[in-house]
Amino acid sequence: MSVAPCRPMGMSRFIIILSALLLSLPGCKSAAPKPQATVPYDEREGRKLEMDVYLPSAPSDGLRPAVLLVHGGGWAEGHRRDFSWIGHWLAARGYVSFSTSYRLVTADANHWPAQLDDVQRSVRWIRAHAADYKVDPERIGALGASAGGHLVSCLGTMDTRDNSDPALSAHSSRVKCVVDLCGPSDLTEDLRPKLAKGEWCNGMIDTLLGNKERKGAREASPLFLVDGKSSPFLIVHGSKDDIVPLDHSQRLEAALKTAGVKAELVTMNCGHAFENAAQLQDFMQRTEKFLETHLKSLSPSP
């Protein structure tokens, strides 16, 4: 059964506001920074799936930590270049960052778990090619917003689903840590009682799953897949979010802590996007500290 897609205007608004706020920060240029390379990591139905690579300018004799960036857009739109600023910002702090593309859902194609397979393959490709970029394969984190927050949360709570490619069979898709910005964690619930836009938000989830009965929703919900192997999480969510209920992040944090996993939820006075430069700076400072703790400060793998 095909489900008509709903355009995720909330994430489009998020990118517009994020870009404007980034331009207001000291040292930011007016033009979006370009990646040093764009590499194909897979091909599906004749279309290449690619990642943009942002490299630190400072030379390094040792292996460097890496961060996978996953854009949002209701699983139906968005582009890896949406996170070019963050890729550049991370590279300036010594991280090799990879901003990935993934198959976008339509009414008739690319339903779940296509997106999971793509982001998991992205991590495994980075590990398989770690030597090419001086990346430490044991120090790879992930950062995503909105639908991208959901996908990076999956990377932190799920094992590899599709292990059919022998070239990648030796490489894990797990990440060392996760930065989840307002990502949905529970795809099973009816959002109408919680959100004025609940019916519209339900439509995005129905389109992703390819059915209105929510078949497969629990298996696609990080909240229900948390265990002791899950990665440490930094979760940031707006108290006035009208796209993803705040309690998705509250319940995810509680589940992680119950499983003995390090997790921190930061609640900001905003909606589904930051409202001012101070909030963005707060997020970036917290992210930098979190990645320092869970990636950069760790001893490099032998």
Foldseek 3Di string as FASTA:
>chain_A
DFFAAFWQVLQVVQLVVVLVLQVVDPPDDPDQDAAPDKAFLDADPRRTWIKGKHAAPDDDPAAFAEEEEEEDTLLADDDLSSCSVVCNVVNPVGYIYIRTDFDRFGRPDDAPPRRLQRLLSVLLSCLLCVVVRSHQNQFYAYEYAAQGLLNSLCLQQDWRDDCPDPSRNVGTSHHQEYERELYAQALQDQCVVPAVCRVSLLSSSCRNNNHSNCVCRLVSGSLNRDALSGHEYEYEAECAARNHHPVRVVSSQVSNVVRVYHYDYHYDNDYSHDDHSVVVVVSVVVVVVVSCVRGVVDDGDD
